N, C-alpha and C. Protein backbone atom coordinates (compact mmCIF):
# COMPACT_ATOMS: atom_id res chain seq x y z
N MET A 1 8.26 -16.65 17.26
CA MET A 1 7.20 -16.62 18.23
C MET A 1 5.87 -16.50 17.50
N GLU A 2 5.01 -17.49 17.66
CA GLU A 2 3.73 -17.49 16.96
C GLU A 2 2.73 -16.54 17.63
N ILE A 3 2.02 -15.81 16.80
CA ILE A 3 1.04 -14.84 17.27
C ILE A 3 -0.35 -15.48 17.24
N ALA A 4 -1.10 -15.33 18.34
CA ALA A 4 -2.49 -15.74 18.34
C ALA A 4 -3.31 -14.59 17.75
N PRO A 5 -4.01 -14.79 16.66
CA PRO A 5 -4.77 -13.69 16.07
C PRO A 5 -5.92 -13.26 16.99
N ALA A 6 -6.19 -11.98 17.01
CA ALA A 6 -7.28 -11.45 17.82
C ALA A 6 -8.62 -11.90 17.25
N PRO A 7 -9.61 -12.10 18.12
CA PRO A 7 -10.94 -12.43 17.61
C PRO A 7 -11.44 -11.33 16.68
N GLU A 8 -12.03 -11.72 15.58
CA GLU A 8 -12.49 -10.76 14.56
C GLU A 8 -13.40 -9.69 15.15
N GLN A 9 -14.30 -10.08 16.04
CA GLN A 9 -15.24 -9.13 16.62
C GLN A 9 -14.57 -8.16 17.60
N ALA A 10 -13.32 -8.39 17.94
CA ALA A 10 -12.60 -7.53 18.89
C ALA A 10 -11.73 -6.48 18.21
N LEU A 11 -11.53 -6.57 16.92
CA LEU A 11 -10.59 -5.68 16.24
C LEU A 11 -10.96 -4.21 16.37
N HIS A 12 -12.23 -3.89 16.21
CA HIS A 12 -12.66 -2.48 16.33
C HIS A 12 -12.34 -1.94 17.72
N ARG A 13 -12.58 -2.73 18.73
CA ARG A 13 -12.29 -2.30 20.10
C ARG A 13 -10.79 -2.09 20.31
N LEU A 14 -9.99 -2.99 19.80
CA LEU A 14 -8.53 -2.86 19.95
C LEU A 14 -8.01 -1.62 19.22
N GLU A 15 -8.63 -1.27 18.14
CA GLU A 15 -8.19 -0.10 17.37
C GLU A 15 -8.66 1.21 17.98
N HIS A 16 -9.78 1.20 18.72
CA HIS A 16 -10.38 2.47 19.14
C HIS A 16 -10.43 2.73 20.65
N GLU A 17 -10.45 1.70 21.47
CA GLU A 17 -10.53 1.96 22.91
C GLU A 17 -9.25 2.62 23.39
N GLN A 18 -9.38 3.47 24.39
CA GLN A 18 -8.28 4.33 24.83
C GLN A 18 -7.32 3.68 25.83
N ASN A 19 -7.83 2.85 26.71
CA ASN A 19 -7.00 2.30 27.79
C ASN A 19 -7.11 0.78 27.84
N ILE A 20 -6.03 0.19 28.33
CA ILE A 20 -6.00 -1.25 28.55
C ILE A 20 -5.30 -1.48 29.88
N TRP A 21 -5.74 -2.48 30.62
CA TRP A 21 -5.07 -2.85 31.87
C TRP A 21 -3.90 -3.76 31.53
N PHE A 22 -2.73 -3.45 32.08
CA PHE A 22 -1.50 -4.19 31.83
C PHE A 22 -1.11 -4.91 33.11
N GLY A 23 -1.13 -6.24 33.08
CA GLY A 23 -0.79 -7.03 34.25
C GLY A 23 0.55 -7.73 34.07
N SER A 24 1.42 -7.55 35.05
CA SER A 24 2.72 -8.21 35.04
C SER A 24 2.97 -8.81 36.43
N VAL A 25 4.09 -9.50 36.58
CA VAL A 25 4.38 -10.20 37.83
C VAL A 25 5.67 -9.64 38.44
N ARG A 26 5.56 -9.25 39.72
CA ARG A 26 6.72 -8.74 40.45
C ARG A 26 7.68 -9.89 40.76
N PRO A 27 8.94 -9.59 41.06
CA PRO A 27 9.91 -10.65 41.36
C PRO A 27 9.50 -11.57 42.51
N ASP A 28 8.72 -11.04 43.47
CA ASP A 28 8.30 -11.89 44.59
C ASP A 28 7.00 -12.65 44.30
N GLY A 29 6.50 -12.55 43.06
CA GLY A 29 5.32 -13.29 42.65
C GLY A 29 4.01 -12.53 42.76
N ARG A 30 4.03 -11.34 43.38
CA ARG A 30 2.81 -10.54 43.48
C ARG A 30 2.46 -9.96 42.11
N PRO A 31 1.17 -9.87 41.82
CA PRO A 31 0.77 -9.26 40.55
C PRO A 31 0.87 -7.74 40.61
N HIS A 32 1.06 -7.14 39.45
CA HIS A 32 1.03 -5.68 39.32
C HIS A 32 0.11 -5.37 38.16
N LEU A 33 -0.81 -4.42 38.39
CA LEU A 33 -1.80 -4.07 37.38
C LEU A 33 -1.84 -2.57 37.23
N ALA A 34 -1.81 -2.09 35.98
CA ALA A 34 -1.84 -0.65 35.73
C ALA A 34 -2.57 -0.36 34.42
N PRO A 35 -3.39 0.71 34.39
CA PRO A 35 -4.02 1.10 33.13
C PRO A 35 -3.01 1.89 32.29
N VAL A 36 -2.98 1.62 31.00
CA VAL A 36 -2.03 2.29 30.11
C VAL A 36 -2.70 2.62 28.78
N TRP A 37 -2.12 3.59 28.07
CA TRP A 37 -2.48 3.84 26.68
C TRP A 37 -1.83 2.75 25.84
N PHE A 38 -2.48 2.41 24.73
CA PHE A 38 -1.96 1.35 23.88
C PHE A 38 -2.37 1.57 22.44
N VAL A 39 -1.65 0.92 21.55
CA VAL A 39 -2.09 0.83 20.16
C VAL A 39 -2.03 -0.62 19.72
N TRP A 40 -2.95 -0.96 18.85
CA TRP A 40 -3.00 -2.26 18.20
C TRP A 40 -2.36 -2.06 16.84
N HIS A 41 -1.24 -2.75 16.59
CA HIS A 41 -0.48 -2.53 15.36
C HIS A 41 0.14 -3.84 14.90
N ALA A 42 -0.15 -4.22 13.68
CA ALA A 42 0.45 -5.41 13.06
C ALA A 42 0.25 -6.66 13.91
N GLY A 43 -0.96 -6.79 14.50
CA GLY A 43 -1.28 -7.99 15.26
C GLY A 43 -0.71 -8.05 16.66
N LYS A 44 -0.15 -6.94 17.13
CA LYS A 44 0.44 -6.90 18.47
C LYS A 44 -0.05 -5.66 19.21
N ILE A 45 0.13 -5.66 20.52
CA ILE A 45 -0.22 -4.53 21.36
C ILE A 45 1.07 -3.83 21.77
N TYR A 46 1.05 -2.49 21.66
CA TYR A 46 2.21 -1.68 22.03
C TYR A 46 1.79 -0.65 23.08
N ILE A 47 2.66 -0.44 24.05
CA ILE A 47 2.42 0.61 25.04
C ILE A 47 3.69 1.45 25.17
N GLY A 48 3.49 2.68 25.61
CA GLY A 48 4.62 3.53 25.97
C GLY A 48 4.77 3.46 27.48
N ALA A 49 6.00 3.32 27.96
CA ALA A 49 6.22 3.15 29.40
C ALA A 49 7.43 3.95 29.86
N ASP A 50 7.43 4.24 31.14
CA ASP A 50 8.60 4.82 31.79
C ASP A 50 9.58 3.66 32.03
N PRO A 51 10.82 3.74 31.56
CA PRO A 51 11.77 2.64 31.76
C PRO A 51 12.00 2.31 33.24
N LYS A 52 11.69 3.25 34.14
CA LYS A 52 11.87 3.02 35.58
C LYS A 52 10.62 2.46 36.24
N SER A 53 9.55 2.24 35.47
CA SER A 53 8.28 1.80 36.03
C SER A 53 8.33 0.35 36.52
N VAL A 54 7.39 0.02 37.39
CA VAL A 54 7.28 -1.34 37.90
C VAL A 54 7.05 -2.31 36.74
N LYS A 55 6.14 -1.97 35.82
CA LYS A 55 5.84 -2.88 34.71
C LYS A 55 7.08 -3.15 33.86
N SER A 56 7.86 -2.10 33.62
CA SER A 56 9.06 -2.26 32.81
C SER A 56 10.08 -3.16 33.50
N ARG A 57 10.28 -2.95 34.78
CA ARG A 57 11.21 -3.80 35.52
C ARG A 57 10.70 -5.24 35.58
N ASN A 58 9.39 -5.40 35.76
CA ASN A 58 8.82 -6.75 35.85
C ASN A 58 9.05 -7.56 34.58
N ILE A 59 8.83 -6.96 33.42
CA ILE A 59 8.95 -7.76 32.18
C ILE A 59 10.39 -8.13 31.87
N GLN A 60 11.35 -7.43 32.47
CA GLN A 60 12.75 -7.81 32.28
C GLN A 60 13.03 -9.16 32.93
N ARG A 61 12.31 -9.45 34.02
CA ARG A 61 12.48 -10.71 34.75
C ARG A 61 11.52 -11.79 34.28
N ASN A 62 10.29 -11.37 33.95
CA ASN A 62 9.26 -12.32 33.55
C ASN A 62 8.43 -11.66 32.46
N PRO A 63 8.62 -12.04 31.22
CA PRO A 63 7.93 -11.37 30.11
C PRO A 63 6.47 -11.77 29.92
N ARG A 64 5.96 -12.72 30.70
CA ARG A 64 4.56 -13.13 30.55
C ARG A 64 3.64 -12.08 31.17
N VAL A 65 2.69 -11.61 30.39
CA VAL A 65 1.78 -10.55 30.83
C VAL A 65 0.35 -10.89 30.44
N THR A 66 -0.58 -10.16 31.05
CA THR A 66 -1.99 -10.23 30.71
C THR A 66 -2.49 -8.82 30.53
N LEU A 67 -3.29 -8.60 29.49
CA LEU A 67 -3.90 -7.30 29.25
C LEU A 67 -5.40 -7.48 29.13
N ALA A 68 -6.16 -6.46 29.55
CA ALA A 68 -7.61 -6.53 29.46
C ALA A 68 -8.16 -5.14 29.17
N LEU A 69 -9.09 -5.07 28.22
CA LEU A 69 -9.75 -3.80 27.96
C LEU A 69 -10.60 -3.43 29.17
N GLU A 70 -10.85 -2.12 29.33
CA GLU A 70 -11.53 -1.62 30.53
C GLU A 70 -12.97 -2.12 30.68
N GLU A 71 -13.71 -2.14 29.62
CA GLU A 71 -15.13 -2.45 29.69
C GLU A 71 -15.33 -3.92 30.08
N GLY A 72 -15.99 -4.15 31.22
CA GLY A 72 -16.10 -5.50 31.76
C GLY A 72 -17.35 -6.26 31.38
N THR A 73 -18.31 -5.62 30.72
CA THR A 73 -19.53 -6.32 30.32
C THR A 73 -19.24 -7.33 29.21
N HIS A 74 -18.33 -6.96 28.31
CA HIS A 74 -17.90 -7.84 27.22
C HIS A 74 -16.37 -7.93 27.29
N PRO A 75 -15.85 -8.76 28.20
CA PRO A 75 -14.40 -8.80 28.43
C PRO A 75 -13.61 -9.21 27.19
N LEU A 76 -12.45 -8.59 27.07
CA LEU A 76 -11.45 -9.00 26.09
C LEU A 76 -10.12 -9.02 26.82
N ILE A 77 -9.55 -10.22 26.93
CA ILE A 77 -8.32 -10.43 27.68
C ILE A 77 -7.29 -11.06 26.75
N CYS A 78 -6.08 -10.57 26.86
CA CYS A 78 -4.97 -11.09 26.05
C CYS A 78 -3.87 -11.60 26.98
N GLU A 79 -3.47 -12.84 26.79
CA GLU A 79 -2.29 -13.36 27.47
C GLU A 79 -1.16 -13.33 26.45
N GLY A 80 -0.01 -12.78 26.85
CA GLY A 80 1.06 -12.65 25.87
C GLY A 80 2.43 -12.59 26.48
N VAL A 81 3.37 -12.30 25.60
CA VAL A 81 4.78 -12.18 25.98
C VAL A 81 5.25 -10.78 25.59
N ALA A 82 5.83 -10.08 26.57
CA ALA A 82 6.25 -8.69 26.36
C ALA A 82 7.75 -8.59 26.17
N ARG A 83 8.13 -7.56 25.42
CA ARG A 83 9.55 -7.25 25.25
C ARG A 83 9.68 -5.76 24.96
N VAL A 84 10.83 -5.22 25.31
CA VAL A 84 11.13 -3.82 25.01
C VAL A 84 11.58 -3.74 23.57
N VAL A 85 11.06 -2.75 22.84
CA VAL A 85 11.46 -2.50 21.46
C VAL A 85 12.36 -1.27 21.46
N ASP A 86 13.60 -1.46 21.07
CA ASP A 86 14.55 -0.35 21.05
C ASP A 86 14.31 0.57 19.87
N PRO A 87 14.56 1.88 20.06
CA PRO A 87 14.47 2.80 18.92
C PRO A 87 15.61 2.54 17.94
N PRO A 88 15.47 2.98 16.73
CA PRO A 88 14.36 3.77 16.18
C PRO A 88 13.15 2.87 15.95
N TRP A 89 11.97 3.44 16.24
CA TRP A 89 10.72 2.72 16.08
C TRP A 89 10.17 2.90 14.68
N GLU A 90 9.39 1.93 14.23
CA GLU A 90 8.78 1.99 12.89
C GLU A 90 7.92 3.25 12.77
N GLU A 91 7.98 3.88 11.62
CA GLU A 91 7.17 5.07 11.38
C GLU A 91 5.68 4.79 11.52
N ASP A 92 5.25 3.59 11.07
CA ASP A 92 3.83 3.24 11.18
C ASP A 92 3.39 3.14 12.64
N LEU A 93 4.26 2.63 13.49
CA LEU A 93 3.94 2.53 14.91
C LEU A 93 3.86 3.92 15.55
N LEU A 94 4.82 4.77 15.25
CA LEU A 94 4.80 6.14 15.77
C LEU A 94 3.55 6.87 15.30
N ALA A 95 3.18 6.66 14.04
CA ALA A 95 1.98 7.30 13.50
C ALA A 95 0.73 6.80 14.20
N ALA A 96 0.69 5.53 14.57
CA ALA A 96 -0.48 4.98 15.27
C ALA A 96 -0.65 5.64 16.64
N PHE A 97 0.44 5.83 17.37
CA PHE A 97 0.36 6.51 18.67
C PHE A 97 -0.06 7.97 18.48
N PHE A 98 0.47 8.61 17.47
CA PHE A 98 0.12 10.01 17.25
C PHE A 98 -1.34 10.17 16.83
N GLN A 99 -1.79 9.30 15.94
CA GLN A 99 -3.18 9.38 15.48
C GLN A 99 -4.16 9.14 16.63
N LYS A 100 -3.87 8.20 17.50
CA LYS A 100 -4.80 7.84 18.56
C LYS A 100 -4.77 8.83 19.73
N TYR A 101 -3.56 9.34 20.08
CA TYR A 101 -3.41 10.15 21.29
C TYR A 101 -2.77 11.53 21.05
N GLU A 102 -2.38 11.81 19.81
CA GLU A 102 -1.58 13.00 19.52
C GLU A 102 -0.31 13.00 20.39
N TRP A 103 0.30 11.83 20.45
CA TRP A 103 1.45 11.57 21.31
C TRP A 103 2.65 11.24 20.44
N ASN A 104 3.68 12.08 20.49
CA ASN A 104 4.89 11.87 19.72
C ASN A 104 5.92 11.20 20.63
N LEU A 105 6.07 9.90 20.47
CA LEU A 105 7.00 9.15 21.32
C LEU A 105 8.45 9.59 21.16
N ASN A 106 8.80 10.09 19.99
CA ASN A 106 10.19 10.54 19.78
C ASN A 106 10.52 11.77 20.61
N LYS A 107 9.50 12.52 21.04
CA LYS A 107 9.73 13.72 21.85
C LYS A 107 9.41 13.49 23.32
N GLU A 108 8.99 12.30 23.67
CA GLU A 108 8.61 11.98 25.05
C GLU A 108 9.85 11.89 25.94
N VAL A 109 9.78 12.50 27.11
CA VAL A 109 10.90 12.50 28.04
C VAL A 109 10.78 11.37 29.07
N GLN A 110 9.59 11.18 29.63
CA GLN A 110 9.42 10.18 30.70
C GLN A 110 8.99 8.82 30.17
N TYR A 111 7.93 8.78 29.38
CA TYR A 111 7.39 7.51 28.87
C TYR A 111 8.02 7.21 27.51
N ASN A 112 9.32 7.00 27.51
CA ASN A 112 10.07 6.90 26.27
C ASN A 112 10.58 5.48 25.98
N GLN A 113 9.86 4.51 26.50
CA GLN A 113 10.18 3.11 26.22
C GLN A 113 8.94 2.49 25.58
N VAL A 114 9.15 1.71 24.55
CA VAL A 114 8.04 1.02 23.90
C VAL A 114 8.10 -0.45 24.27
N ILE A 115 6.96 -0.95 24.75
CA ILE A 115 6.84 -2.37 25.08
C ILE A 115 5.88 -3.00 24.08
N GLU A 116 6.31 -4.09 23.49
CA GLU A 116 5.52 -4.84 22.52
C GLU A 116 5.02 -6.11 23.18
N VAL A 117 3.73 -6.40 23.01
CA VAL A 117 3.16 -7.64 23.54
C VAL A 117 2.70 -8.50 22.37
N THR A 118 3.26 -9.69 22.30
CA THR A 118 2.85 -10.67 21.30
C THR A 118 1.77 -11.54 21.91
N PRO A 119 0.54 -11.49 21.38
CA PRO A 119 -0.55 -12.29 21.93
C PRO A 119 -0.30 -13.78 21.77
N ARG A 120 -0.55 -14.52 22.84
CA ARG A 120 -0.46 -16.00 22.84
C ARG A 120 -1.84 -16.64 22.94
N LYS A 121 -2.76 -15.94 23.65
CA LYS A 121 -4.11 -16.49 23.85
C LYS A 121 -5.06 -15.32 24.08
N TRP A 122 -6.27 -15.46 23.54
CA TRP A 122 -7.32 -14.45 23.73
C TRP A 122 -8.48 -15.10 24.46
N LEU A 123 -9.08 -14.35 25.36
CA LEU A 123 -10.28 -14.76 26.07
C LEU A 123 -11.32 -13.66 25.89
N ASN A 124 -12.52 -14.03 25.48
CA ASN A 124 -13.59 -13.04 25.37
C ASN A 124 -14.93 -13.76 25.46
N TRP A 125 -15.89 -13.03 25.98
CA TRP A 125 -17.24 -13.55 26.08
C TRP A 125 -18.21 -12.42 26.18
C-alpha cells in the first residue's frame, strides 16, 4: 500500500496538535465524525480507540476514512485507509503516545485498540 507523504509545511502540526477529527462511514452510508487523540509516526496516523466504538466497527466494514486537524483557518485533511494494529505494538509508537499525552496504551482498559491510517491523499490550503 503506497503512502502519500504529508505536505512538508504540515509536519510540525501533525507532530504537535492534540486532536484530529476522524471520519468513517456507517454500514447504512451515513458519515460518522469524532475528535480523537492521535500521533504521527513513520508517515502514518495512529489513534487509540475503544474496540466497541462506532469508528472501530465502521472501519471493519469500510476502511476508507478522512481525518482533519481541528484548526479550520489553514485546513489539513487526510484521506486514507484504516486498519487495526494488533499488539504487541512497536515501542516507538507506544513512546510517541506517552510523550504526547502521557498515555500508556499497554495499561489502557477501554481505549485499548490501535488504528493505523495510511494516507492516500492530502488536502491543504
